[in-house]
Amino acid sequence: MLSLICHGPRDLRLEQRDLPAPQAHQIQVQVAYGGICGSDLHYAQHGGFGTVRIKEPIALGHEVSGIVGTVGADVQGVTAGQRIAISPSRPCGQCRFCQAGQHNHCLNMRFYGSAMPFPHIQGAFSEQLIIEGYQAHPIADHLSLSEAALAEPLSVGLHAIQRAGSVLGKQVLVTGCGPIGSLLIGALRRAGAARIVAADIADLPLKCAKEMGADETINLKTQAQALDKYKVDKGQFDVVFEASGSEAALRTGLDVIVPRGVLITVGMGGDISLPMTQIVAKEVDLRGTFRFHAEFATAVRFLNEGLVNGKPVITGILPMDRAIEAFDLAADKSQSLKVQIAFADA
């Protein structure tokens, strides 16, 4: 089978790899669509992010859907030909974090397409995959396999909301309205946020944010003072989700958050300096959010039932033989949000 392999910065290759035989608890899947994530772009462009670096060739990709082929004898609830969203989260279930219900912090996590451990965990951008039975989440007949591949980034947003606590009736700001930020806005609307303001530095993601349910959109590049009205009386937003990874955006969030508000850092843009005096004086709860696990099933249900419509996020789909071109397109934020790769015979 063909797989999309990253050998280092600016070195993506389509290569033949062998598909192992499925075991009794596993499923062979024909991959249908794969969405290009920000981490995939970091690997492809820079060979990693932060201190994480590619040390051996790695198949990229973790946002995938597919069609079930061979089903292992011990797998229940899944049949050949079924269309599925595939969770990339494979915790061990045994370590102390798994036992505490914190599966996203598993000490032996095998999350698709991750160079964090060595040997690296190979990704899902291949024509076929062997997956565990629990990774398969059936999708509704009306849901396209392209939309099903959005379950992963939607799960990231759902976990971010879980980290924030209840947003019911709250005033919420989202900074950074790429695929994660925009899907997060759709999830916030489902979670009962009273008012959602979306901020970015480009019009394309803001248009998407509006379609996903934002009440107000602000282009901070052309409307630099537009958030000033939210700074009065020590701030107006109960919860801020910072999804860009930008230090400037984080500082802006601190300017407009209420005392004892919750600021969730979703984006990973590298190490930044923090205005500790402001954080202390406002008693801000600054919380990180990392991946997900249990939220994937909820994301699939939201998509299946039409409770979140992810279509506005998808801006381009290219076939596998144009995968490298797809990465170039995904890197051009002026014309792209979520770019997907359509795999052979999907």
C-alpha atoms as a PDB file:
ATOM      1  CA  MET A   1       0.000   0.000   0.000  1.00  0.00           C
ATOM      2  CA  LEU A   2       1.005   3.641  -0.437  1.00  0.00           C
ATOM      3  CA  SER A   3       1.691   5.785   2.613  1.00  0.00           C
ATOM      4  CA  LEU A   4       2.621   9.456   2.972  1.00  0.00           C
ATOM      5  CA  ILE A   5       5.985   9.480   4.751  1.00  0.00           C
ATOM      6  CA  CYS A   6       7.829  12.461   6.217  1.00  0.00           C
ATOM      7  CA  HIS A   7      11.623  12.048   6.264  1.00  0.00           C
ATOM      8  CA  GLY A   8      12.347  15.527   7.590  1.00  0.00           C
ATOM      9  CA  PRO A   9      11.728  19.220   6.810  1.00  0.00           C
ATOM     10  CA  ARG A  10      10.350  19.663   3.280  1.00  0.00           C
ATOM     11  CA  ASP A  11      10.791  15.964   2.566  1.00  0.00           C
ATOM     12  CA  LEU A  12       7.415  14.282   2.048  1.00  0.00           C
ATOM     13  CA  ARG A  13       7.280  11.103  -0.034  1.00  0.00           C
ATOM     14  CA  LEU A  14       4.632   8.646  -1.189  1.00  0.00           C
ATOM     15  CA  GLU A  15       6.141   5.251  -0.470  1.00  0.00           C
ATOM     16  CA  GLN A  16       5.108   1.615  -0.508  1.00  0.00           C
ATOM     17  CA  ARG A  17       4.727   0.000   2.910  1.00  0.00           C
ATOM     18  CA  ASP A  18       3.556  -3.449   3.957  1.00  0.00           C
ATOM     19  CA  LEU A  19       0.192  -3.870   5.662  1.00  0.00           C
ATOM     20  CA  PRO A  20       0.376  -6.268   8.621  1.00  0.00           C
ATOM     21  CA  ALA A  21      -2.245  -8.988   8.954  1.00  0.00           C
ATOM     22  CA  PRO A  22      -5.067  -8.052  11.380  1.00  0.00           C
ATOM     23  CA  GLN A  23      -5.291  -9.950  14.625  1.00  0.00           C
ATOM     24  CA  ALA A  24      -8.531 -11.262  16.126  1.00  0.00           C
ATOM     25  CA  HIS A  25      -9.188  -7.974  17.983  1.00  0.00           C
ATOM     26  CA  GLN A  26      -8.404  -5.764  14.977  1.00  0.00           C
ATOM     27  CA  ILE A  27      -9.982  -4.463  11.776  1.00  0.00           C
ATOM     28  CA  GLN A  28      -8.538  -3.839   8.339  1.00  0.00           C
ATOM     29  CA  VAL A  29      -9.794  -0.511   7.007  1.00  0.00           C
ATOM     30  CA  GLN A  30      -9.639   1.178   3.616  1.00  0.00           C
ATOM     31  CA  VAL A  31      -8.858   4.809   4.422  1.00  0.00           C
ATOM     32  CA  ALA A  32     -11.248   7.277   2.793  1.00  0.00           C
ATOM     33  CA  TYR A  33     -10.299  10.832   3.833  1.00  0.00           C
ATOM     34  CA  GLY A  34      -7.563  12.346   5.934  1.00  0.00           C
ATOM     35  CA  GLY A  35      -7.455  15.929   7.185  1.00  0.00           C
ATOM     36  CA  ILE A  36      -4.136  17.784   7.367  1.00  0.00           C
ATOM     37  CA  CYS A  37      -3.602  19.108  10.906  1.00  0.00           C
ATOM     38  CA  GLY A  38      -1.346  21.869  12.165  1.00  0.00           C
ATOM     39  CA  SER A  39       0.985  19.296  13.720  1.00  0.00           C
ATOM     40  CA  ASP A  40       1.253  17.527  10.344  1.00  0.00           C
ATOM     41  CA  LEU A  41       2.286  20.845   8.811  1.00  0.00           C
ATOM     42  CA  HIS A  42       4.901  21.418  11.513  1.00  0.00           C
ATOM     43  CA  TYR A  43       6.424  18.003  10.817  1.00  0.00           C
ATOM     44  CA  ALA A  44       6.327  18.530   7.050  1.00  0.00           C
ATOM     45  CA  GLN A  45       7.695  22.075   7.075  1.00  0.00           C
ATOM     46  CA  HIS A  46      10.063  22.093  10.040  1.00  0.00           C
ATOM     47  CA  GLY A  47      10.631  18.457  10.974  1.00  0.00           C
ATOM     48  CA  GLY A  48       8.819  18.917  14.284  1.00  0.00           C
ATOM     49  CA  PHE A  49       7.670  21.503  16.816  1.00  0.00           C
ATOM     50  CA  GLY A  50       9.194  22.716  20.066  1.00  0.00           C
ATOM     51  CA  THR A  51      11.642  20.080  21.252  1.00  0.00           C
ATOM     52  CA  VAL A  52       9.887  17.305  19.288  1.00  0.00           C
ATOM     53  CA  ARG A  53      11.861  16.293  16.206  1.00  0.00           C
ATOM     54  CA  ILE A  54      11.533  13.550  13.588  1.00  0.00           C
ATOM     55  CA  LYS A  55      14.301  11.007  14.186  1.00  0.00           C
ATOM     56  CA  GLU A  56      13.111   8.391  11.698  1.00  0.00           C
ATOM     57  CA  PRO A  57      10.699   8.336   8.727  1.00  0.00           C
ATOM     58  CA  ILE A  58       7.137   8.673   9.939  1.00  0.00           C
ATOM     59  CA  ALA A  59       3.751   8.335   8.265  1.00  0.00           C
ATOM     60  CA  LEU A  60       1.767  11.481   9.038  1.00  0.00           C
ATOM     61  CA  GLY A  61      -1.932  11.949   9.700  1.00  0.00           C
ATOM     62  CA  HIS A  62      -4.467  11.334  12.442  1.00  0.00           C
ATOM     63  CA  GLU A  63      -7.777  12.829  11.211  1.00  0.00           C
ATOM     64  CA  VAL A  64      -9.201   9.938   9.187  1.00  0.00           C
ATOM     65  CA  SER A  65     -12.336   8.115   8.118  1.00  0.00           C
ATOM     66  CA  GLY A  66     -12.636   4.830   6.266  1.00  0.00           C
ATOM     67  CA  ILE A  67     -14.555   1.773   5.133  1.00  0.00           C
ATOM     68  CA  VAL A  68     -14.326  -1.465   7.094  1.00  0.00           C
ATOM     69  CA  GLY A  69     -12.766  -4.430   5.274  1.00  0.00           C
ATOM     70  CA  THR A  70     -11.742  -7.539   7.185  1.00  0.00           C
ATOM     71  CA  VAL A  71     -13.097  -7.791  10.735  1.00  0.00           C
ATOM     72  CA  GLY A  72     -11.257  -9.816  13.392  1.00  0.00           C
ATOM     73  CA  ALA A  73     -13.118 -12.691  15.027  1.00  0.00           C
ATOM     74  CA  ASP A  74     -13.185 -11.001  18.443  1.00  0.00           C
ATOM     75  CA  VAL A  75     -14.502  -7.633  17.206  1.00  0.00           C
ATOM     76  CA  GLN A  76     -18.154  -6.905  17.900  1.00  0.00           C
ATOM     77  CA  GLY A  77     -20.486  -4.209  16.628  1.00  0.00           C
ATOM     78  CA  VAL A  78     -18.626  -3.595  13.360  1.00  0.00           C
ATOM     79  CA  THR A  79     -19.275  -5.235   9.993  1.00  0.00           C
ATOM     80  CA  ALA A  80     -17.494  -5.319   6.645  1.00  0.00           C
ATOM     81  CA  GLY A  81     -18.468  -2.419   4.398  1.00  0.00           C
ATOM     82  CA  GLN A  82     -19.420  -0.156   7.298  1.00  0.00           C
ATOM     83  CA  ARG A  83     -18.359   3.494   7.055  1.00  0.00           C
ATOM     84  CA  ILE A  84     -16.511   4.736  10.115  1.00  0.00           C
ATOM     85  CA  ALA A  85     -14.687   7.603  11.750  1.00  0.00           C
ATOM     86  CA  ILE A  86     -11.395   6.369  13.190  1.00  0.00           C
ATOM     87  CA  SER A  87     -10.180   7.570  16.561  1.00  0.00           C
ATOM     88  CA  PRO A  88      -6.389   8.050  16.531  1.00  0.00           C
ATOM     89  CA  SER A  89      -6.212   7.780  20.336  1.00  0.00           C
ATOM     90  CA  ARG A  90      -4.827   4.434  21.511  1.00  0.00           C
ATOM     91  CA  PRO A  91      -4.078   4.547  25.255  1.00  0.00           C
ATOM     92  CA  CYS A  92      -2.733   1.495  27.045  1.00  0.00           C
ATOM     93  CA  GLY A  93      -5.523   1.322  29.625  1.00  0.00           C
ATOM     94  CA  GLN A  94      -3.028   0.124  32.244  1.00  0.00           C
ATOM     95  CA  CYS A  95      -0.935   3.078  33.426  1.00  0.00           C
ATOM     96  CA  ARG A  96      -1.851   5.291  36.374  1.00  0.00           C
ATOM     97  CA  PHE A  97      -3.288   8.035  34.155  1.00  0.00           C
ATOM     98  CA  CYS A  98      -5.483   5.613  32.218  1.00  0.00           C
ATOM     99  CA  GLN A  99      -6.644   4.139  35.518  1.00  0.00           C
ATOM    100  CA  ALA A 100      -7.513   7.655  36.686  1.00  0.00           C
ATOM    101  CA  GLY A 101      -9.579   8.288  33.546  1.00  0.00           C
ATOM    102  CA  GLN A 102      -6.976  10.642  32.049  1.00  0.00           C
ATOM    103  CA  HIS A 103      -6.430   8.586  28.909  1.00  0.00           C
ATOM    104  CA  ASN A 104      -5.067  11.556  26.948  1.00  0.00           C
ATOM    105  CA  HIS A 105      -2.077  11.523  29.334  1.00  0.00           C
ATOM    106  CA  CYS A 106      -1.385   7.806  28.918  1.00  0.00           C
ATOM    107  CA  LEU A 107       2.266   7.000  29.587  1.00  0.00           C
ATOM    108  CA  ASN A 108       2.227   4.545  26.677  1.00  0.00           C
ATOM    109  CA  MET A 109      -0.031   6.448  24.275  1.00  0.00           C
ATOM    110  CA  ARG A 110       0.111   5.380  20.630  1.00  0.00           C
ATOM    111  CA  PHE A 111      -1.493   8.437  19.053  1.00  0.00           C
ATOM    112  CA  TYR A 112      -1.297   8.326  15.261  1.00  0.00           C
ATOM    113  CA  GLY A 113       1.440  10.322  13.585  1.00  0.00           C
ATOM    114  CA  SER A 114       3.352  11.385  16.695  1.00  0.00           C
ATOM    115  CA  ALA A 115       7.135  11.860  16.887  1.00  0.00           C
ATOM    116  CA  MET A 116       6.961  12.505  20.639  1.00  0.00           C
ATOM    117  CA  PRO A 117       8.025   8.931  21.531  1.00  0.00           C
ATOM    118  CA  PHE A 118      10.802   6.975  19.860  1.00  0.00           C
ATOM    119  CA  PRO A 119      10.324   4.784  17.939  1.00  0.00           C
ATOM    120  CA  HIS A 120       7.723   7.134  16.495  1.00  0.00           C
ATOM    121  CA  ILE A 121       4.046   6.246  16.318  1.00  0.00           C
ATOM    122  CA  GLN A 122       3.211   5.868  12.645  1.00  0.00           C
ATOM    123  CA  GLY A 123       0.289   7.874  11.285  1.00  0.00           C
ATOM    124  CA  ALA A 124      -2.828   7.121   9.285  1.00  0.00           C
ATOM    125  CA  PHE A 125      -2.134   8.682   5.875  1.00  0.00           C
ATOM    126  CA  SER A 126      -2.073   5.317   4.095  1.00  0.00           C
ATOM    127  CA  GLU A 127      -4.369   3.567   1.676  1.00  0.00           C
ATOM    128  CA  GLN A 128      -5.140   0.972   4.350  1.00  0.00           C
ATOM    129  CA  LEU A 129      -4.859   0.657   8.129  1.00  0.00           C
ATOM    130  CA  ILE A 130      -5.066  -2.034  10.755  1.00  0.00           C
ATOM    131  CA  ILE A 131      -6.959  -0.570  13.702  1.00  0.00           C
ATOM    132  CA  GLU A 132      -8.175  -1.762  17.076  1.00  0.00           C
ATOM    133  CA  GLY A 133     -11.853  -2.605  17.270  1.00  0.00           C
ATOM    134  CA  TYR A 134     -12.528   0.228  19.732  1.00  0.00           C
ATOM    135  CA  GLN A 135     -11.187   2.825  17.281  1.00  0.00           C
ATOM    136  CA  ALA A 136     -14.070   2.293  14.860  1.00  0.00           C
ATOM    137  CA  HIS A 137     -17.051   4.633  15.260  1.00  0.00           C
ATOM    138  CA  PRO A 138     -19.877   4.006  12.734  1.00  0.00           C
ATOM    139  CA  ILE A 139     -21.234   7.068  10.957  1.00  0.00           C
ATOM    140  CA  ALA A 140     -24.775   7.869   9.822  1.00  0.00           C
ATOM    141  CA  ASP A 141     -25.854   7.136   6.258  1.00  0.00           C
ATOM    142  CA  HIS A 142     -26.319  10.828   5.489  1.00  0.00           C
ATOM    143  CA  LEU A 143     -22.867  11.858   6.773  1.00  0.00           C
ATOM    144  CA  SER A 144     -20.111  11.966   4.177  1.00  0.00           C
ATOM    145  CA  LEU A 145     -16.796  10.281   4.864  1.00  0.00           C
ATOM    146  CA  SER A 146     -15.170  13.674   4.344  1.00  0.00           C
ATOM    147  CA  GLU A 147     -17.220  15.189   7.184  1.00  0.00           C
ATOM    148  CA  ALA A 148     -16.572  12.113   9.336  1.00  0.00           C
ATOM    149  CA  ALA A 149     -12.854  12.915   9.228  1.00  0.00           C
ATOM    150  CA  LEU A 150     -13.675  16.101  11.193  1.00  0.00           C
ATOM    151  CA  ALA A 151     -14.496  14.057  14.296  1.00  0.00           C
ATOM    152  CA  GLU A 152     -10.884  14.305  15.463  1.00  0.00           C
ATOM    153  CA  PRO A 153     -10.501  18.120  15.425  1.00  0.00           C
ATOM    154  CA  LEU A 154     -14.025  18.469  16.839  1.00  0.00           C
ATOM    155  CA  SER A 155     -12.941  16.185  19.689  1.00  0.00           C
ATOM    156  CA  VAL A 156     -10.090  18.590  20.460  1.00  0.00           C
ATOM    157  CA  GLY A 157     -12.642  21.385  20.849  1.00  0.00           C
ATOM    158  CA  LEU A 158     -14.905  19.253  23.022  1.00  0.00           C
ATOM    159  CA  HIS A 159     -12.041  18.396  25.343  1.00  0.00           C
ATOM    160  CA  ALA A 160     -11.136  22.096  25.565  1.00  0.00           C
ATOM    161  CA  ILE A 161     -14.703  22.843  26.672  1.00  0.00           C
ATOM    162  CA  GLN A 162     -14.514  20.031  29.210  1.00  0.00           C
ATOM    163  CA  ARG A 163     -11.352  21.636  30.601  1.00  0.00           C
ATOM    164  CA  ALA A 164     -13.142  24.996  30.876  1.00  0.00           C
ATOM    165  CA  GLY A 165     -16.083  23.612  32.839  1.00  0.00           C
ATOM    166  CA  SER A 166     -19.627  24.768  32.184  1.00  0.00           C
ATOM    167  CA  VAL A 167     -19.989  27.462  29.520  1.00  0.00           C
ATOM    168  CA  LEU A 168     -23.773  27.575  29.861  1.00  0.00           C
ATOM    169  CA  GLY A 169     -24.917  31.187  29.714  1.00  0.00           C
ATOM    170  CA  LYS A 170     -21.343  32.476  29.570  1.00  0.00           C
ATOM    171  CA  GLN A 171     -19.754  35.248  27.496  1.00  0.00           C
ATOM    172  CA  VAL A 172     -16.998  33.541  25.471  1.00  0.00           C
ATOM    173  CA  LEU A 173     -14.113  34.756  23.315  1.00  0.00           C
ATOM    174  CA  VAL A 174     -12.309  32.487  20.840  1.00  0.00           C
ATOM    175  CA  THR A 175      -9.018  33.776  19.430  1.00  0.00           C
ATOM    176  CA  GLY A 176      -7.753  31.883  16.395  1.00  0.00           C
ATOM    177  CA  CYS A 177     -10.496  30.596  14.098  1.00  0.00           C
ATOM    178  CA  GLY A 178      -8.758  27.938  12.065  1.00  0.00           C
ATOM    179  CA  PRO A 179     -10.312  24.457  11.902  1.00  0.00           C
ATOM    180  CA  ILE A 180      -9.936  23.803  15.645  1.00  0.00           C
ATOM    181  CA  GLY A 181     -11.219  27.243  16.665  1.00  0.00           C
ATOM    182  CA  SER A 182     -14.158  27.137  14.253  1.00  0.00           C
ATOM    183  CA  LEU A 183     -15.226  23.622  15.255  1.00  0.00           C
ATOM    184  CA  LEU A 184     -14.830  24.703  18.874  1.00  0.00           C
ATOM    185  CA  ILE A 185     -17.314  27.496  18.188  1.00  0.00           C
ATOM    186  CA  GLY A 186     -19.799  24.956  16.824  1.00  0.00           C
ATOM    187  CA  ALA A 187     -19.341  22.899  19.987  1.00  0.00           C
ATOM    188  CA  LEU A 188     -19.713  25.989  22.218  1.00  0.00           C
ATOM    189  CA  ARG A 189     -23.033  26.722  20.575  1.00  0.00           C
ATOM    190  CA  ARG A 190     -24.172  23.187  21.445  1.00  0.00           C
ATOM    191  CA  ALA A 191     -22.864  23.625  25.009  1.00  0.00           C
ATOM    192  CA  GLY A 192     -25.056  26.661  25.639  1.00  0.00           C
ATOM    193  CA  ALA A 193     -22.666  29.620  25.493  1.00  0.00           C
ATOM    194  CA  ALA A 194     -24.763  32.807  25.618  1.00  0.00           C
ATOM    195  CA  ARG A 195     -22.555  34.899  23.351  1.00  0.00           C
ATOM    196  CA  ILE A 196     -19.520  33.929  21.298  1.00  0.00           C
ATOM    197  CA  VAL A 197     -17.073  36.478  19.911  1.00  0.00           C
ATOM    198  CA  ALA A 198     -14.473  35.200  17.425  1.00  0.00           C
ATOM    199  CA  ALA A 199     -11.194  36.999  16.704  1.00  0.00           C
ATOM    200  CA  ASP A 200      -8.549  36.315  14.059  1.00  0.00           C
ATOM    201  CA  ILE A 201      -6.224  38.235  11.737  1.00  0.00           C
ATOM    202  CA  ALA A 202      -7.739  36.976   8.461  1.00  0.00           C
ATOM    203  CA  ASP A 203     -11.195  37.136   6.887  1.00  0.00           C
ATOM    204  CA  LEU A 204     -11.462  33.519   5.685  1.00  0.00           C
ATOM    205  CA  PRO A 205     -11.412  31.901   9.159  1.00  0.00           C
ATOM    206  CA  LEU A 206     -13.728  34.615  10.483  1.00  0.00           C
ATOM    207  CA  LYS A 207     -16.244  33.857   7.731  1.00  0.00           C
ATOM    208  CA  CYS A 208     -16.103  30.220   8.805  1.00  0.00           C
ATOM    209  CA  ALA A 209     -16.446  31.166  12.478  1.00  0.00           C
ATOM    210  CA  LYS A 210     -19.620  33.088  11.647  1.00  0.00           C
ATOM    211  CA  GLU A 211     -21.060  30.085   9.823  1.00  0.00           C
ATOM    212  CA  MET A 212     -20.185  27.875  12.793  1.00  0.00           C
ATOM    213  CA  GLY A 213     -22.179  30.069  15.176  1.00  0.00           C
ATOM    214  CA  ALA A 214     -20.129  33.087  16.306  1.00  0.00           C
ATOM    215  CA  ASP A 215     -22.288  36.081  17.252  1.00  0.00           C
ATOM    216  CA  GLU A 216     -19.565  38.606  16.420  1.00  0.00           C
ATOM    217  CA  THR A 217     -16.352  38.356  14.417  1.00  0.00           C
ATOM    218  CA  ILE A 218     -13.380  40.706  14.722  1.00  0.00           C
ATOM    219  CA  ASN A 219     -10.418  40.988  12.388  1.00  0.00           C
ATOM    220  CA  LEU A 220      -7.651  42.166  14.715  1.00  0.00           C
ATOM    221  CA  LYS A 221      -5.466  43.097  11.751  1.00  0.00           C
ATOM    222  CA  THR A 222      -7.921  45.616  10.307  1.00  0.00           C
ATOM    223  CA  GLN A 223      -9.918  46.382  13.478  1.00  0.00           C
ATOM    224  CA  ALA A 224      -7.105  46.641  16.017  1.00  0.00           C
ATOM    225  CA  GLN A 225      -9.251  48.486  18.596  1.00  0.00           C
ATOM    226  CA  ALA A 226     -12.409  46.409  18.201  1.00  0.00           C
ATOM    227  CA  LEU A 227     -11.864  44.453  21.430  1.00  0.00           C
ATOM    228  CA  ASP A 228     -11.255  47.573  23.519  1.00  0.00           C
ATOM    229  CA  LYS A 229     -14.931  47.779  24.500  1.00  0.00           C
ATOM    230  CA  TYR A 230     -14.540  44.401  26.216  1.00  0.00           C
ATOM    231  CA  LYS A 231     -11.699  45.644  28.451  1.00  0.00           C
ATOM    232  CA  VAL A 232     -13.912  47.959  30.527  1.00  0.00           C
ATOM    233  CA  ASP A 233     -14.661  47.182  34.182  1.00  0.00           C
ATOM    234  CA  LYS A 234     -11.819  44.642  34.411  1.00  0.00           C
ATOM    235  CA  GLY A 235     -13.035  42.626  31.387  1.00  0.00           C
ATOM    236  CA  GLN A 236     -16.222  41.130  29.974  1.00  0.00           C
ATOM    237  CA  PHE A 237     -15.543  37.515  28.946  1.00  0.00           C
ATOM    238  CA  ASP A 238     -16.155  34.697  31.394  1.00  0.00           C
ATOM    239  CA  VAL A 239     -14.162  32.212  29.316  1.00  0.00           C
ATOM    240  CA  VAL A 240     -11.468  32.720  26.690  1.00  0.00           C
ATOM    241  CA  PHE A 241     -10.237  29.982  24.361  1.00  0.00           C
ATOM    242  CA  GLU A 242      -6.874  30.879  22.800  1.00  0.00           C
ATOM    243  CA  ALA A 243      -6.568  28.654  19.717  1.00  0.00           C
ATOM    244  CA  SER A 244      -3.899  30.449  17.688  1.00  0.00           C
ATOM    245  CA  GLY A 245      -0.767  29.805  19.740  1.00  0.00           C
ATOM    246  CA  SER A 246       0.043  33.521  19.561  1.00  0.00           C
ATOM    247  CA  GLU A 247       1.502  35.404  22.519  1.00  0.00           C
ATOM    248  CA  ALA A 248      -0.270  38.576  21.394  1.00  0.00           C
ATOM    249  CA  ALA A 249      -3.609  36.751  21.338  1.00  0.00           C
ATOM    250  CA  LEU A 250      -3.036  35.329  24.818  1.00  0.00           C
ATOM    251  CA  ARG A 251      -2.237  38.771  26.198  1.00  0.00           C
ATOM    252  CA  THR A 252      -5.330  40.174  24.505  1.00  0.00           C
ATOM    253  CA  GLY A 253      -7.385  37.443  26.137  1.00  0.00           C
ATOM    254  CA  LEU A 254      -6.050  38.415  29.546  1.00  0.00           C
ATOM    255  CA  ASP A 255      -7.024  42.037  28.892  1.00  0.00           C
ATOM    256  CA  VAL A 256     -10.682  41.180  28.249  1.00  0.00           C
ATOM    257  CA  ILE A 257     -11.305  38.273  30.637  1.00  0.00           C
ATOM    258  CA  VAL A 258     -13.217  38.899  33.864  1.00  0.00           C
ATOM    259  CA  PRO A 259     -11.581  38.412  37.259  1.00  0.00           C
ATOM    260  CA  ARG A 260     -11.612  34.697  38.106  1.00  0.00           C
ATOM    261  CA  GLY A 261     -12.343  33.912  34.478  1.00  0.00           C
ATOM    262  CA  VAL A 262     -11.041  30.765  32.793  1.00  0.00           C
ATOM    263  CA  LEU A 263      -8.513  31.007  29.958  1.00  0.00           C
ATOM    264  CA  ILE A 264      -7.945  27.801  27.984  1.00  0.00           C
ATOM    265  CA  THR A 265      -4.792  27.597  25.888  1.00  0.00           C
ATOM    266  CA  VAL A 266      -5.581  25.390  22.893  1.00  0.00           C
ATOM    267  CA  GLY A 267      -2.967  26.500  20.356  1.00  0.00           C
ATOM    268  CA  MET A 268       0.646  25.379  20.562  1.00  0.00           C
ATOM    269  CA  GLY A 269       2.856  28.108  19.175  1.00  0.00           C
ATOM    270  CA  GLY A 270       5.934  27.540  21.295  1.00  0.00           C
ATOM    271  CA  ASP A 271       7.083  29.029  24.592  1.00  0.00           C
ATOM    272  CA  ILE A 272       5.965  32.575  25.394  1.00  0.00           C
ATOM    273  CA  SER A 273       6.302  35.033  28.250  1.00  0.00           C
ATOM    274  CA  LEU A 274       3.345  35.594  30.554  1.00  0.00           C
ATOM    275  CA  PRO A 275       2.188  38.806  32.291  1.00  0.00           C
ATOM    276  CA  MET A 276       2.147  37.219  35.745  1.00  0.00           C
ATOM    277  CA  THR A 277       1.074  40.395  37.534  1.00  0.00           C
ATOM    278  CA  GLN A 278      -2.098  40.510  35.462  1.00  0.00           C
ATOM    279  CA  ILE A 279      -2.795  36.797  35.951  1.00  0.00           C
ATOM    280  CA  VAL A 280      -2.334  37.125  39.710  1.00  0.00           C
ATOM    281  CA  ALA A 281      -4.299  40.377  40.082  1.00  0.00           C
ATOM    282  CA  LYS A 282      -7.267  39.033  38.106  1.00  0.00           C
ATOM    283  CA  GLU A 283      -7.062  35.578  39.713  1.00  0.00           C
ATOM    284  CA  VAL A 284      -7.269  34.053  36.235  1.00  0.00           C
ATOM    285  CA  ASP A 285      -7.500  30.283  35.886  1.00  0.00           C
ATOM    286  CA  LEU A 286      -5.016  29.512  33.097  1.00  0.00           C
ATOM    287  CA  ARG A 287      -5.544  25.947  31.866  1.00  0.00           C
ATOM    288  CA  GLY A 288      -4.023  23.886  29.118  1.00  0.00           C
ATOM    289  CA  THR A 289      -5.886  21.320  27.027  1.00  0.00           C
ATOM    290  CA  PHE A 290      -4.262  18.377  25.254  1.00  0.00           C
ATOM    291  CA  ARG A 291      -5.805  15.967  22.755  1.00  0.00           C
ATOM    292  CA  PHE A 292      -8.876  13.983  23.923  1.00  0.00           C
ATOM    293  CA  HIS A 293     -10.110  10.421  24.271  1.00  0.00           C
ATOM    294  CA  ALA A 294     -13.682   9.879  25.456  1.00  0.00           C
ATOM    295  CA  GLU A 295     -14.820  12.988  23.562  1.00  0.00           C
ATOM    296  CA  PHE A 296     -14.361  11.264  20.186  1.00  0.00           C
ATOM    297  CA  ALA A 297     -17.588   9.278  20.577  1.00  0.00           C
ATOM    298  CA  THR A 298     -19.455  12.491  21.412  1.00  0.00           C
ATOM    299  CA  ALA A 299     -17.965  14.247  18.383  1.00  0.00           C
ATOM    300  CA  VAL A 300     -19.152  11.444  16.090  1.00  0.00           C
ATOM    301  CA  ARG A 301     -22.624  11.585  17.636  1.00  0.00           C
ATOM    302  CA  PHE A 302     -22.800  15.363  17.141  1.00  0.00           C
ATOM    303  CA  LEU A 303     -21.840  14.942  13.477  1.00  0.00           C
ATOM    304  CA  ASN A 304     -24.178  11.980  12.981  1.00  0.00           C
ATOM    305  CA  GLU A 305     -27.151  13.832  14.448  1.00  0.00           C
ATOM    306  CA  GLY A 306     -26.406  17.124  12.687  1.00  0.00           C
ATOM    307  CA  LEU A 307     -25.855  18.914  15.996  1.00  0.00           C
ATOM    308  CA  VAL A 308     -22.587  20.322  14.629  1.00  0.00           C
ATOM    309  CA  ASN A 309     -22.181  20.975  10.905  1.00  0.00           C
ATOM    310  CA  GLY A 310     -18.504  20.914  10.009  1.00  0.00           C
ATOM    311  CA  LYS A 311     -18.868  21.518   6.267  1.00  0.00           C
ATOM    312  CA  PRO A 312     -17.796  25.197   6.376  1.00  0.00           C
ATOM    313  CA  VAL A 313     -14.395  24.156   7.737  1.00  0.00           C
ATOM    314  CA  ILE A 314     -13.469  22.023   4.696  1.00  0.00           C
ATOM    315  CA  THR A 315     -11.924  24.234   2.008  1.00  0.00           C
ATOM    316  CA  GLY A 316     -10.128  21.727  -0.221  1.00  0.00           C
ATOM    317  CA  ILE A 317      -9.929  18.010  -1.054  1.00  0.00           C
ATOM    318  CA  LEU A 318      -7.133  16.596  -3.198  1.00  0.00           C
ATOM    319  CA  PRO A 319      -6.435  12.992  -4.263  1.00  0.00           C
ATOM    320  CA  MET A 320      -3.602  11.027  -2.684  1.00  0.00           C
ATOM    321  CA  ASP A 321      -1.345  11.389  -5.725  1.00  0.00           C
ATOM    322  CA  ARG A 322      -1.452  15.157  -5.069  1.00  0.00           C
ATOM    323  CA  ALA A 323      -0.805  14.812  -1.338  1.00  0.00           C
ATOM    324  CA  ILE A 324       2.301  17.001  -1.338  1.00  0.00           C
ATOM    325  CA  GLU A 325       0.354  19.698  -3.189  1.00  0.00           C
ATOM    326  CA  ALA A 326      -2.374  19.322  -0.540  1.00  0.00           C
ATOM    327  CA  PHE A 327       0.175  20.136   2.176  1.00  0.00           C
ATOM    328  CA  ASP A 328       1.255  23.251   0.277  1.00  0.00           C
ATOM    329  CA  LEU A 329      -2.378  24.301  -0.018  1.00  0.00           C
ATOM    330  CA  ALA A 330      -3.013  23.666   3.688  1.00  0.00           C
ATOM    331  CA  ALA A 331      -0.023  25.858   4.566  1.00  0.00           C
ATOM    332  CA  ASP A 332      -1.535  28.811   2.667  1.00  0.00           C
ATOM    333  CA  LYS A 333      -3.808  30.271   5.316  1.00  0.00           C
ATOM    334  CA  SER A 334      -5.052  32.961   2.941  1.00  0.00           C
ATOM    335  CA  GLN A 335      -7.088  30.396   1.012  1.00  0.00           C
ATOM    336  CA  SER A 336      -7.327  27.300   3.222  1.00  0.00           C
ATOM    337  CA  LEU A 337      -8.765  26.083   6.491  1.00  0.00           C
ATOM    338  CA  LYS A 338      -9.112  22.300   6.532  1.00  0.00           C
ATOM    339  CA  VAL A 339      -7.536  20.587   3.523  1.00  0.00           C
ATOM    340  CA  GLN A 340      -8.190  16.870   3.173  1.00  0.00           C
ATOM    341  CA  ILE A 341      -6.581  14.080   1.185  1.00  0.00           C
ATOM    342  CA  ALA A 342      -8.893  11.631  -0.608  1.00  0.00           C
ATOM    343  CA  PHE A 343      -7.305   8.187  -0.659  1.00  0.00           C
ATOM    344  CA  ALA A 344      -7.368   5.714  -3.556  1.00  0.00           C
ATOM    345  CA  ASP A 345     -10.715   4.077  -4.334  1.00  0.00           C
ATOM    346  CA  ALA A 346     -12.387   5.670  -1.310  1.00  0.00           C
END
